[in-house]
Full PDB file with SEQRES, HELIX, SHEET, SSBOND, CRYST1, ORIGX, SCALE, CONECT and MASTER records, all heavy atoms in Angstrom:
SEQRES   1 A   33  ARG LEU GLU GLY VAL ARG VAL ASP VAL GLY GLY LYS GLY          
SEQRES   2 A   33  VAL ASN VAL ALA VAL VAL LEU SER ARG LEU GLY VAL ARG          
SEQRES   3 A   33  CYS GLY CYS VAL GLY CYS LEU                                  
HELIX    1 AA1 LYS A   12  ARG A   22  1                                  11    
CRYST1    1.000    1.000    1.000  90.00  90.00  90.00 P 1           1          
ORIGX1      1.000000  0.000000  0.000000        0.00000                         
ORIGX2      0.000000  1.000000  0.000000        0.00000                         
ORIGX3      0.000000  0.000000  1.000000        0.00000                         
SCALE1      1.000000  0.000000  0.000000        0.00000                         
SCALE2      0.000000  1.000000  0.000000        0.00000                         
SCALE3      0.000000  0.000000  1.000000        0.00000                         
ATOM      1  N   ARG A   1       0.837  -1.193   0.000  1.00  0.00           N  
ATOM      2  CA  ARG A   1       0.000   0.000   0.000  1.00  0.00           C  
ATOM      3  C   ARG A   1       0.876   1.248   0.000  1.00  0.00           C  
ATOM      4  O   ARG A   1       1.683   1.446   0.905  1.00  0.00           O  
ATOM      5  CB  ARG A   1      -0.916   0.004   1.225  1.00  0.00           C  
ATOM      6  CG  ARG A   1      -1.803  -1.237   1.339  1.00  0.00           C  
ATOM      7  CD  ARG A   1      -2.776  -1.340   0.181  1.00  0.00           C  
ATOM      8  NE  ARG A   1      -3.618  -2.537   0.299  1.00  0.00           N  
ATOM      9  CZ  ARG A   1      -4.475  -2.935  -0.624  1.00  0.00           C  
ATOM     10  NH1 ARG A   1      -4.600  -2.232  -1.755  1.00  0.00           N  
ATOM     11  NH2 ARG A   1      -5.194  -4.032  -0.451  1.00  0.00           N  
ATOM     12  N   LEU A   2       0.699   2.074  -1.025  1.00  0.00           N  
ATOM     13  CA  LEU A   2       1.503   3.286  -1.149  1.00  0.00           C  
ATOM     14  C   LEU A   2       0.887   4.416  -0.346  1.00  0.00           C  
ATOM     15  O   LEU A   2      -0.324   4.564  -0.264  1.00  0.00           O  
ATOM     16  CB  LEU A   2       1.621   3.699  -2.616  1.00  0.00           C  
ATOM     17  CG  LEU A   2       2.228   2.654  -3.564  1.00  0.00           C  
ATOM     18  CD1 LEU A   2       2.313   3.216  -4.973  1.00  0.00           C  
ATOM     19  CD2 LEU A   2       3.598   2.205  -3.081  1.00  0.00           C  
ATOM     20  N   GLU A   3       1.764   5.236   0.224  1.00  0.00           N  
ATOM     21  CA  GLU A   3       1.325   6.381   1.009  1.00  0.00           C  
ATOM     22  C   GLU A   3       2.076   7.626   0.546  1.00  0.00           C  
ATOM     23  O   GLU A   3       3.225   7.564   0.136  1.00  0.00           O  
ATOM     24  CB  GLU A   3       1.605   6.149   2.505  1.00  0.00           C  
ATOM     25  CG  GLU A   3       0.928   4.910   3.074  1.00  0.00           C  
ATOM     26  CD  GLU A   3       1.305   4.673   4.520  1.00  0.00           C  
ATOM     27  OE1 GLU A   3       2.034   5.514   5.073  1.00  0.00           O  
ATOM     28  OE2 GLU A   3       0.881   3.650   5.074  1.00  0.00           O  
ATOM     29  N   GLY A   4       1.428   8.763   0.642  1.00  0.00           N  
ATOM     30  CA  GLY A   4       2.101  10.038   0.394  1.00  0.00           C  
ATOM     31  C   GLY A   4       2.667  10.192  -0.997  1.00  0.00           C  
ATOM     32  O   GLY A   4       3.790  10.670  -1.171  1.00  0.00           O  
ATOM     33  N   VAL A   5       1.932   9.787  -2.016  1.00  0.00           N  
ATOM     34  CA  VAL A   5       2.422   9.893  -3.394  1.00  0.00           C  
ATOM     35  C   VAL A   5       2.464  11.355  -3.823  1.00  0.00           C  
ATOM     36  O   VAL A   5       1.517  12.117  -3.626  1.00  0.00           O  
ATOM     37  CB  VAL A   5       1.520   9.082  -4.349  1.00  0.00           C  
ATOM     38  CG1 VAL A   5       1.999   9.230  -5.784  1.00  0.00           C  
ATOM     39  CG2 VAL A   5       1.506   7.609  -3.943  1.00  0.00           C  
ATOM     40  N   ARG A   6       3.606  11.766  -4.439  1.00  0.00           N  
ATOM     41  CA  ARG A   6       3.721  13.121  -4.968  1.00  0.00           C  
ATOM     42  C   ARG A   6       4.390  13.059  -6.338  1.00  0.00           C  
ATOM     43  O   ARG A   6       5.114  12.110  -6.650  1.00  0.00           O  
ATOM     44  CB  ARG A   6       4.514  14.032  -4.026  1.00  0.00           C  
ATOM     45  CG  ARG A   6       5.960  13.619  -3.802  1.00  0.00           C  
ATOM     46  CD  ARG A   6       6.738  14.687  -3.024  1.00  0.00           C  
ATOM     47  NE  ARG A   6       6.971  15.865  -3.837  1.00  0.00           N  
ATOM     48  CZ  ARG A   6       6.668  17.101  -3.453  1.00  0.00           C  
ATOM     49  NH1 ARG A   6       6.127  17.321  -2.272  1.00  0.00           N  
ATOM     50  NH2 ARG A   6       6.906  18.132  -4.243  1.00  0.00           N  
ATOM     51  N   VAL A   7       4.143  14.082  -7.151  1.00  0.00           N  
ATOM     52  CA  VAL A   7       4.701  14.140  -8.503  1.00  0.00           C  
ATOM     53  C   VAL A   7       5.405  15.479  -8.680  1.00  0.00           C  
ATOM     54  O   VAL A   7       4.836  16.542  -8.381  1.00  0.00           O  
ATOM     55  CB  VAL A   7       3.608  13.973  -9.581  1.00  0.00           C  
ATOM     56  CG1 VAL A   7       4.220  14.101 -10.976  1.00  0.00           C  
ATOM     57  CG2 VAL A   7       2.911  12.623  -9.436  1.00  0.00           C  
ATOM     58  N   ASP A   8       6.653  15.428  -9.149  1.00  0.00           N  
ATOM     59  CA  ASP A   8       7.432  16.623  -9.470  1.00  0.00           C  
ATOM     60  C   ASP A   8       7.908  16.520 -10.913  1.00  0.00           C  
ATOM     61  O   ASP A   8       8.042  15.416 -11.454  1.00  0.00           O  
ATOM     62  CB  ASP A   8       8.650  16.752  -8.553  1.00  0.00           C  
ATOM     63  CG  ASP A   8       8.280  16.819  -7.081  1.00  0.00           C  
ATOM     64  OD1 ASP A   8       7.728  17.849  -6.669  1.00  0.00           O  
ATOM     65  OD2 ASP A   8       8.535  15.839  -6.347  1.00  0.00           O  
ATOM     66  N   VAL A   9       8.193  17.649 -11.531  1.00  0.00           N  
ATOM     67  CA  VAL A   9       8.867  17.603 -12.827  1.00  0.00           C  
ATOM     68  C   VAL A   9      10.315  17.213 -12.584  1.00  0.00           C  
ATOM     69  O   VAL A   9      10.913  17.565 -11.559  1.00  0.00           O  
ATOM     70  CB  VAL A   9       8.777  18.951 -13.568  1.00  0.00           C  
ATOM     71  CG1 VAL A   9       7.357  19.206 -14.035  1.00  0.00           C  
ATOM     72  CG2 VAL A   9       9.286  20.100 -12.720  1.00  0.00           C  
ATOM     73  N   GLY A  10      10.889  16.457 -13.511  1.00  0.00           N  
ATOM     74  CA  GLY A  10      12.233  15.955 -13.309  1.00  0.00           C  
ATOM     75  C   GLY A  10      13.022  15.846 -14.587  1.00  0.00           C  
ATOM     76  O   GLY A  10      12.629  16.339 -15.647  1.00  0.00           O  
ATOM     77  N   GLY A  11      14.135  15.148 -14.474  1.00  0.00           N  
ATOM     78  CA  GLY A  11      15.164  15.166 -15.497  1.00  0.00           C  
ATOM     79  C   GLY A  11      16.288  16.040 -14.970  1.00  0.00           C  
ATOM     80  O   GLY A  11      16.046  17.089 -14.364  1.00  0.00           O  
ATOM     81  N   LYS A  12      17.546  15.631 -15.180  1.00  0.00           N  
ATOM     82  CA  LYS A  12      18.659  16.306 -14.521  1.00  0.00           C  
ATOM     83  C   LYS A  12      18.750  17.787 -14.884  1.00  0.00           C  
ATOM     84  O   LYS A  12      18.975  18.637 -14.020  1.00  0.00           O  
ATOM     85  CB  LYS A  12      19.966  15.579 -14.844  1.00  0.00           C  
ATOM     86  CG  LYS A  12      20.044  14.180 -14.227  1.00  0.00           C  
ATOM     87  CD  LYS A  12      21.316  13.447 -14.607  1.00  0.00           C  
ATOM     88  CE  LYS A  12      22.542  14.046 -13.969  1.00  0.00           C  
ATOM     89  NZ  LYS A  12      22.527  13.946 -12.497  1.00  0.00           N  
ATOM     90  N   GLY A  13      18.570  18.115 -16.152  1.00  0.00           N  
ATOM     91  CA  GLY A  13      18.632  19.527 -16.543  1.00  0.00           C  
ATOM     92  C   GLY A  13      17.505  20.337 -15.943  1.00  0.00           C  
ATOM     93  O   GLY A  13      17.696  21.500 -15.561  1.00  0.00           O  
ATOM     94  N   VAL A  14      16.321  19.744 -15.842  1.00  0.00           N  
ATOM     95  CA  VAL A  14      15.197  20.409 -15.169  1.00  0.00           C  
ATOM     96  C   VAL A  14      15.523  20.609 -13.698  1.00  0.00           C  
ATOM     97  O   VAL A  14      15.290  21.681 -13.131  1.00  0.00           O  
ATOM     98  CB  VAL A  14      13.905  19.591 -15.345  1.00  0.00           C  
ATOM     99  CG1 VAL A  14      12.813  20.085 -14.393  1.00  0.00           C  
ATOM    100  CG2 VAL A  14      13.415  19.685 -16.782  1.00  0.00           C  
ATOM    101  N   ASN A  15      16.089  19.584 -13.054  1.00  0.00           N  
ATOM    102  CA  ASN A  15      16.427  19.703 -11.642  1.00  0.00           C  
ATOM    103  C   ASN A  15      17.397  20.853 -11.381  1.00  0.00           C  
ATOM    104  O   ASN A  15      17.238  21.618 -10.425  1.00  0.00           O  
ATOM    105  CB  ASN A  15      17.052  18.398 -11.130  1.00  0.00           C  
ATOM    106  CG  ASN A  15      16.073  17.252 -11.057  1.00  0.00           C  
ATOM    107  OD1 ASN A  15      14.866  17.445 -11.106  1.00  0.00           O  
ATOM    108  ND2 ASN A  15      16.586  16.041 -10.954  1.00  0.00           N  
ATOM    109  N   VAL A  16      18.423  20.965 -12.217  1.00  0.00           N  
ATOM    110  CA  VAL A  16      19.399  22.048 -12.041  1.00  0.00           C  
ATOM    111  C   VAL A  16      18.703  23.402 -12.175  1.00  0.00           C  
ATOM    112  O   VAL A  16      18.949  24.334 -11.388  1.00  0.00           O  
ATOM    113  CB  VAL A  16      20.553  21.918 -13.048  1.00  0.00           C  
ATOM    114  CG1 VAL A  16      21.497  23.117 -12.937  1.00  0.00           C  
ATOM    115  CG2 VAL A  16      21.329  20.627 -12.822  1.00  0.00           C  
ATOM    116  N   ALA A  17      17.817  23.534 -13.159  1.00  0.00           N  
ATOM    117  CA  ALA A  17      17.105  24.794 -13.351  1.00  0.00           C  
ATOM    118  C   ALA A  17      16.204  25.120 -12.168  1.00  0.00           C  
ATOM    119  O   ALA A  17      16.124  26.270 -11.726  1.00  0.00           O  
ATOM    120  CB  ALA A  17      16.287  24.742 -14.644  1.00  0.00           C  
ATOM    121  N   VAL A  18      15.518  24.119 -11.634  1.00  0.00           N  
ATOM    122  CA  VAL A  18      14.640  24.346 -10.478  1.00  0.00           C  
ATOM    123  C   VAL A  18      15.456  24.791  -9.270  1.00  0.00           C  
ATOM    124  O   VAL A  18      15.074  25.725  -8.548  1.00  0.00           O  
ATOM    125  CB  VAL A  18      13.836  23.067 -10.165  1.00  0.00           C  
ATOM    126  CG1 VAL A  18      13.139  23.186  -8.816  1.00  0.00           C  
ATOM    127  CG2 VAL A  18      12.808  22.804 -11.266  1.00  0.00           C  
ATOM    128  N   VAL A  19      16.603  24.151  -9.043  1.00  0.00           N  
ATOM    129  CA  VAL A  19      17.471  24.560  -7.929  1.00  0.00           C  
ATOM    130  C   VAL A  19      17.930  25.997  -8.108  1.00  0.00           C  
ATOM    131  O   VAL A  19      17.886  26.803  -7.170  1.00  0.00           O  
ATOM    132  CB  VAL A  19      18.677  23.604  -7.816  1.00  0.00           C  
ATOM    133  CG1 VAL A  19      19.726  24.155  -6.854  1.00  0.00           C  
ATOM    134  CG2 VAL A  19      18.223  22.227  -7.354  1.00  0.00           C  
ATOM    135  N   LEU A  20      18.377  26.351  -9.297  1.00  0.00           N  
ATOM    136  CA  LEU A  20      18.812  27.720  -9.556  1.00  0.00           C  
ATOM    137  C   LEU A  20      17.689  28.714  -9.279  1.00  0.00           C  
ATOM    138  O   LEU A  20      17.897  29.754  -8.644  1.00  0.00           O  
ATOM    139  CB  LEU A  20      19.295  27.853 -10.998  1.00  0.00           C  
ATOM    140  CG  LEU A  20      20.659  27.241 -11.307  1.00  0.00           C  
ATOM    141  CD1 LEU A  20      20.883  27.152 -12.812  1.00  0.00           C  
ATOM    142  CD2 LEU A  20      21.779  28.050 -10.662  1.00  0.00           C  
ATOM    143  N   SER A  21      16.497  28.396  -9.764  1.00  0.00           N  
ATOM    144  CA  SER A  21      15.358  29.291  -9.558  1.00  0.00           C  
ATOM    145  C   SER A  21      15.065  29.468  -8.070  1.00  0.00           C  
ATOM    146  O   SER A  21      14.835  30.586  -7.595  1.00  0.00           O  
ATOM    147  CB  SER A  21      14.130  28.743 -10.286  1.00  0.00           C  
ATOM    148  OG  SER A  21      12.996  29.541 -10.046  1.00  0.00           O  
ATOM    149  N   ARG A  22      15.103  28.369  -7.314  1.00  0.00           N  
ATOM    150  CA  ARG A  22      14.812  28.454  -5.883  1.00  0.00           C  
ATOM    151  C   ARG A  22      15.891  29.227  -5.126  1.00  0.00           C  
ATOM    152  O   ARG A  22      15.628  29.795  -4.061  1.00  0.00           O  
ATOM    153  CB  ARG A  22      14.652  27.055  -5.301  1.00  0.00           C  
ATOM    154  CG  ARG A  22      13.404  26.339  -5.804  1.00  0.00           C  
ATOM    155  CD  ARG A  22      13.221  24.997  -5.126  1.00  0.00           C  
ATOM    156  NE  ARG A  22      12.030  24.314  -5.631  1.00  0.00           N  
ATOM    157  CZ  ARG A  22      11.603  23.140  -5.208  1.00  0.00           C  
ATOM    158  NH1 ARG A  22      12.280  22.499  -4.259  1.00  0.00           N  
ATOM    159  NH2 ARG A  22      10.519  22.585  -5.711  1.00  0.00           N  
ATOM    160  N   LEU A  23      17.099  29.245  -5.674  1.00  0.00           N  
ATOM    161  CA  LEU A  23      18.189  29.987  -5.047  1.00  0.00           C  
ATOM    162  C   LEU A  23      18.298  31.410  -5.565  1.00  0.00           C  
ATOM    163  O   LEU A  23      19.239  32.127  -5.230  1.00  0.00           O  
ATOM    164  CB  LEU A  23      19.515  29.242  -5.264  1.00  0.00           C  
ATOM    165  CG  LEU A  23      19.618  27.860  -4.597  1.00  0.00           C  
ATOM    166  CD1 LEU A  23      20.973  27.232  -4.895  1.00  0.00           C  
ATOM    167  CD2 LEU A  23      19.379  27.939  -3.100  1.00  0.00           C  
ATOM    168  N   GLY A  24      17.338  31.814  -6.384  1.00  0.00           N  
ATOM    169  CA  GLY A  24      17.266  33.210  -6.815  1.00  0.00           C  
ATOM    170  C   GLY A  24      18.075  33.556  -8.039  1.00  0.00           C  
ATOM    171  O   GLY A  24      18.353  34.737  -8.283  1.00  0.00           O  
ATOM    172  N   VAL A  25      18.462  32.559  -8.846  1.00  0.00           N  
ATOM    173  CA  VAL A  25      19.258  32.799 -10.049  1.00  0.00           C  
ATOM    174  C   VAL A  25      18.356  32.718 -11.273  1.00  0.00           C  
ATOM    175  O   VAL A  25      17.591  31.766 -11.429  1.00  0.00           O  
ATOM    176  CB  VAL A  25      20.395  31.762 -10.169  1.00  0.00           C  
ATOM    177  CG1 VAL A  25      21.216  32.012 -11.434  1.00  0.00           C  
ATOM    178  CG2 VAL A  25      21.287  31.792  -8.935  1.00  0.00           C  
ATOM    179  N   ARG A  26      18.458  33.699 -12.149  1.00  0.00           N  
ATOM    180  CA  ARG A  26      17.642  33.699 -13.362  1.00  0.00           C  
ATOM    181  C   ARG A  26      18.156  32.636 -14.322  1.00  0.00           C  
ATOM    182  O   ARG A  26      19.346  32.589 -14.642  1.00  0.00           O  
ATOM    183  CB  ARG A  26      17.687  35.075 -14.024  1.00  0.00           C  
ATOM    184  CG  ARG A  26      16.647  35.268 -15.134  1.00  0.00           C  
ATOM    185  CD  ARG A  26      16.496  36.733 -15.479  1.00  0.00           C  
ATOM    186  NE  ARG A  26      17.682  37.278 -16.092  1.00  0.00           N  
ATOM    187  CZ  ARG A  26      17.869  37.366 -17.417  1.00  0.00           C  
ATOM    188  NH1 ARG A  26      16.925  36.943 -18.241  1.00  0.00           N  
ATOM    189  NH2 ARG A  26      18.972  37.880 -17.904  1.00  0.00           N  
ATOM    190  N   CYS A  27      17.264  31.792 -14.766  1.00  0.00           N  
ATOM    191  CA  CYS A  27      17.688  30.685 -15.626  1.00  0.00           C  
ATOM    192  C   CYS A  27      16.543  30.284 -16.546  1.00  0.00           C  
ATOM    193  O   CYS A  27      15.385  30.642 -16.340  1.00  0.00           O  
ATOM    194  CB  CYS A  27      18.125  29.488 -14.790  1.00  0.00           C  
ATOM    195  SG  CYS A  27      16.785  28.735 -13.838  1.00  0.00           S  
ATOM    196  N   GLY A  28      16.902  29.520 -17.549  1.00  0.00           N  
ATOM    197  CA  GLY A  28      15.920  28.920 -18.438  1.00  0.00           C  
ATOM    198  C   GLY A  28      16.349  27.505 -18.748  1.00  0.00           C  
ATOM    199  O   GLY A  28      17.511  27.132 -18.563  1.00  0.00           O  
ATOM    200  N   CYS A  29      15.417  26.711 -19.222  1.00  0.00           N  
ATOM    201  CA  CYS A  29      15.701  25.325 -19.586  1.00  0.00           C  
ATOM    202  C   CYS A  29      15.194  25.080 -21.002  1.00  0.00           C  
ATOM    203  O   CYS A  29      14.100  25.525 -21.358  1.00  0.00           O  
ATOM    204  CB  CYS A  29      15.032  24.371 -18.607  1.00  0.00           C  
ATOM    205  SG  CYS A  29      15.389  22.617 -18.912  1.00  0.00           S  
ATOM    206  N   VAL A  30      15.994  24.399 -21.790  1.00  0.00           N  
ATOM    207  CA  VAL A  30      15.613  24.022 -23.147  1.00  0.00           C  
ATOM    208  C   VAL A  30      15.559  22.501 -23.203  1.00  0.00           C  
ATOM    209  O   VAL A  30      16.508  21.818 -22.797  1.00  0.00           O  
ATOM    210  CB  VAL A  30      16.612  24.558 -24.184  1.00  0.00           C  
ATOM    211  CG1 VAL A  30      16.183  24.157 -25.593  1.00  0.00           C  
ATOM    212  CG2 VAL A  30      16.734  26.075 -24.081  1.00  0.00           C  
ATOM    213  N   GLY A  31      14.438  21.974 -23.674  1.00  0.00           N  
ATOM    214  CA  GLY A  31      14.280  20.533 -23.654  1.00  0.00           C  
ATOM    215  C   GLY A  31      13.393  20.019 -24.766  1.00  0.00           C  
ATOM    216  O   GLY A  31      13.132  20.706 -25.760  1.00  0.00           O  
ATOM    217  N   CYS A  32      12.932  18.800 -24.579  1.00  0.00           N  
ATOM    218  CA  CYS A  32      12.003  18.145 -25.492  1.00  0.00           C  
ATOM    219  C   CYS A  32      10.825  17.637 -24.668  1.00  0.00           C  
ATOM    220  O   CYS A  32      10.997  17.237 -23.524  1.00  0.00           O  
ATOM    221  CB  CYS A  32      12.662  16.968 -26.205  1.00  0.00           C  
ATOM    222  SG  CYS A  32      14.195  17.351 -27.073  1.00  0.00           S  
ATOM    223  N   LEU A  33       9.650  17.640 -25.264  1.00  0.00           N  
ATOM    224  CA  LEU A  33       8.474  17.104 -24.595  1.00  0.00           C  
ATOM    225  C   LEU A  33       7.669  16.242 -25.556  1.00  0.00           C  
ATOM    226  O   LEU A  33       7.478  16.611 -26.717  1.00  0.00           O  
ATOM    227  CB  LEU A  33       7.566  18.220 -24.060  1.00  0.00           C  
ATOM    228  CG  LEU A  33       7.978  18.953 -22.787  1.00  0.00           C  
ATOM    229  CD1 LEU A  33       6.918  19.979 -22.413  1.00  0.00           C  
ATOM    230  CD2 LEU A  33       8.228  17.987 -21.635  1.00  0.00           C  
TER     231      LEU A  33                                                      
MASTER        0    0    0    1    0    0    0    6  230    1    0    3          
END                                                                             
């Protein structure tokens, strides 16, 4: 039985961009969807 399921956007380049944004650095990410 699973508990506390959550979903985040991911992928290493996305992760780096999210960290930068949370630390107050202006950034963008280029990818494929």
